Amino acid sequence: MSRSLTTPCIHVCILDPDLGLCLGCGRTRDEIAQWGRLAESERLAIMADLDARLRQAHAALEDERP
């Protein structure tokens, strides 16, 4: 029986090379690569931090604009 994984993916995959994050979900490249191997508790812990990461990432991008 196959179970679907809990995921924050919204299918907007844009990896910012400077921030090191996907601007769609907020995960790092390493987190995305390891996602299927993580325990559910690890995925949920990462997901709990994603909103704050994305807010910081978007603020950093705004600061870079002229």
C-alpha atoms as a PDB file:
ATOM      1  CA  MET A   1       0.000   0.000   0.000  1.00  0.00           C
ATOM      2  CA  SER A   2       1.439   3.374  -1.020  1.00  0.00           C
ATOM      3  CA  ARG A   3       1.079   6.399   1.234  1.00  0.00           C
ATOM      4  CA  SER A   4       1.445   9.937   0.016  1.00  0.00           C
ATOM      5  CA  LEU A   5       4.019  12.063   1.769  1.00  0.00           C
ATOM      6  CA  THR A   6       3.201  15.261   3.561  1.00  0.00           C
ATOM      7  CA  THR A   7       4.748  17.985   1.451  1.00  0.00           C
ATOM      8  CA  PRO A   8       4.746  21.778   1.243  1.00  0.00           C
ATOM      9  CA  CYS A   9       5.315  21.646  -2.529  1.00  0.00           C
ATOM     10  CA  ILE A  10       3.016  23.985  -4.456  1.00  0.00           C
ATOM     11  CA  HIS A  11       4.544  23.149  -7.848  1.00  0.00           C
ATOM     12  CA  VAL A  12       6.226  26.539  -8.158  1.00  0.00           C
ATOM     13  CA  CYS A  13       9.806  25.319  -8.171  1.00  0.00           C
ATOM     14  CA  ILE A  14      12.172  28.270  -8.328  1.00  0.00           C
ATOM     15  CA  LEU A  15      15.466  27.648  -6.553  1.00  0.00           C
ATOM     16  CA  ASP A  16      17.105  30.962  -5.736  1.00  0.00           C
ATOM     17  CA  PRO A  17      20.882  30.433  -5.987  1.00  0.00           C
ATOM     18  CA  ASP A  18      21.725  33.242  -3.559  1.00  0.00           C
ATOM     19  CA  LEU A  19      19.187  32.359  -0.870  1.00  0.00           C
ATOM     20  CA  GLY A  20      19.479  28.613  -1.359  1.00  0.00           C
ATOM     21  CA  LEU A  21      15.715  28.166  -1.093  1.00  0.00           C
ATOM     22  CA  CYS A  22      12.840  27.198  -3.316  1.00  0.00           C
ATOM     23  CA  LEU A  23      10.761  30.363  -3.564  1.00  0.00           C
ATOM     24  CA  GLY A  24       7.621  28.257  -3.919  1.00  0.00           C
ATOM     25  CA  CYS A  25       7.825  26.144  -0.768  1.00  0.00           C
ATOM     26  CA  GLY A  26      10.812  27.492   1.199  1.00  0.00           C
ATOM     27  CA  ARG A  27      12.788  24.257   1.382  1.00  0.00           C
ATOM     28  CA  THR A  28      16.496  24.019   0.672  1.00  0.00           C
ATOM     29  CA  ARG A  29      17.823  21.939  -2.231  1.00  0.00           C
ATOM     30  CA  ASP A  30      19.073  19.328   0.277  1.00  0.00           C
ATOM     31  CA  GLU A  31      15.707  19.147   2.033  1.00  0.00           C
ATOM     32  CA  ILE A  32      13.931  18.657  -1.288  1.00  0.00           C
ATOM     33  CA  ALA A  33      16.369  15.904  -2.285  1.00  0.00           C
ATOM     34  CA  GLN A  34      16.013  14.082   1.055  1.00  0.00           C
ATOM     35  CA  TRP A  35      12.267  14.650   1.513  1.00  0.00           C
ATOM     36  CA  GLY A  36      11.131  11.113   0.706  1.00  0.00           C
ATOM     37  CA  ARG A  37      13.687   9.621   3.096  1.00  0.00           C
ATOM     38  CA  LEU A  38      12.794  11.818   6.076  1.00  0.00           C
ATOM     39  CA  ALA A  39      10.555  10.663   8.882  1.00  0.00           C
ATOM     40  CA  GLU A  40       7.149  12.318   9.043  1.00  0.00           C
ATOM     41  CA  SER A  41       8.192  14.095  12.252  1.00  0.00           C
ATOM     42  CA  GLU A  42      11.232  15.562  10.455  1.00  0.00           C
ATOM     43  CA  ARG A  43       9.088  16.742   7.529  1.00  0.00           C
ATOM     44  CA  LEU A  44       6.604  18.379   9.900  1.00  0.00           C
ATOM     45  CA  ALA A  45       9.410  20.118  11.831  1.00  0.00           C
ATOM     46  CA  ILE A  46      10.810  21.566   8.595  1.00  0.00           C
ATOM     47  CA  MET A  47       7.354  22.588   7.423  1.00  0.00           C
ATOM     48  CA  ALA A  48       6.758  24.472  10.681  1.00  0.00           C
ATOM     49  CA  ASP A  49       9.643  26.803   9.772  1.00  0.00           C
ATOM     50  CA  LEU A  50       8.825  27.390   6.103  1.00  0.00           C
ATOM     51  CA  ASP A  51       6.535  30.419   6.444  1.00  0.00           C
ATOM     52  CA  ALA A  52       9.214  32.323   8.366  1.00  0.00           C
ATOM     53  CA  ARG A  53      11.870  31.303   5.831  1.00  0.00           C
ATOM     54  CA  LEU A  54       9.752  32.495   2.931  1.00  0.00           C
ATOM     55  CA  ARG A  55       8.989  35.813   4.631  1.00  0.00           C
ATOM     56  CA  GLN A  56      12.709  36.373   5.178  1.00  0.00           C
ATOM     57  CA  ALA A  57      13.541  35.319   1.620  1.00  0.00           C
ATOM     58  CA  HIS A  58      10.962  37.617   0.073  1.00  0.00           C
ATOM     59  CA  ALA A  59      12.088  40.495   2.308  1.00  0.00           C
ATOM     60  CA  ALA A  60      15.691  39.918   1.239  1.00  0.00           C
ATOM     61  CA  LEU A  61      14.660  39.956  -2.413  1.00  0.00           C
ATOM     62  CA  GLU A  62      12.725  43.203  -1.889  1.00  0.00           C
ATOM     63  CA  ASP A  63      15.782  44.781  -0.252  1.00  0.00           C
ATOM     64  CA  GLU A  64      17.858  43.946  -3.344  1.00  0.00           C
ATOM     65  CA  ARG A  65      15.532  45.763  -5.712  1.00  0.00           C
ATOM     66  CA  PRO A  66      16.640  49.255  -6.785  1.00  0.00           C
END
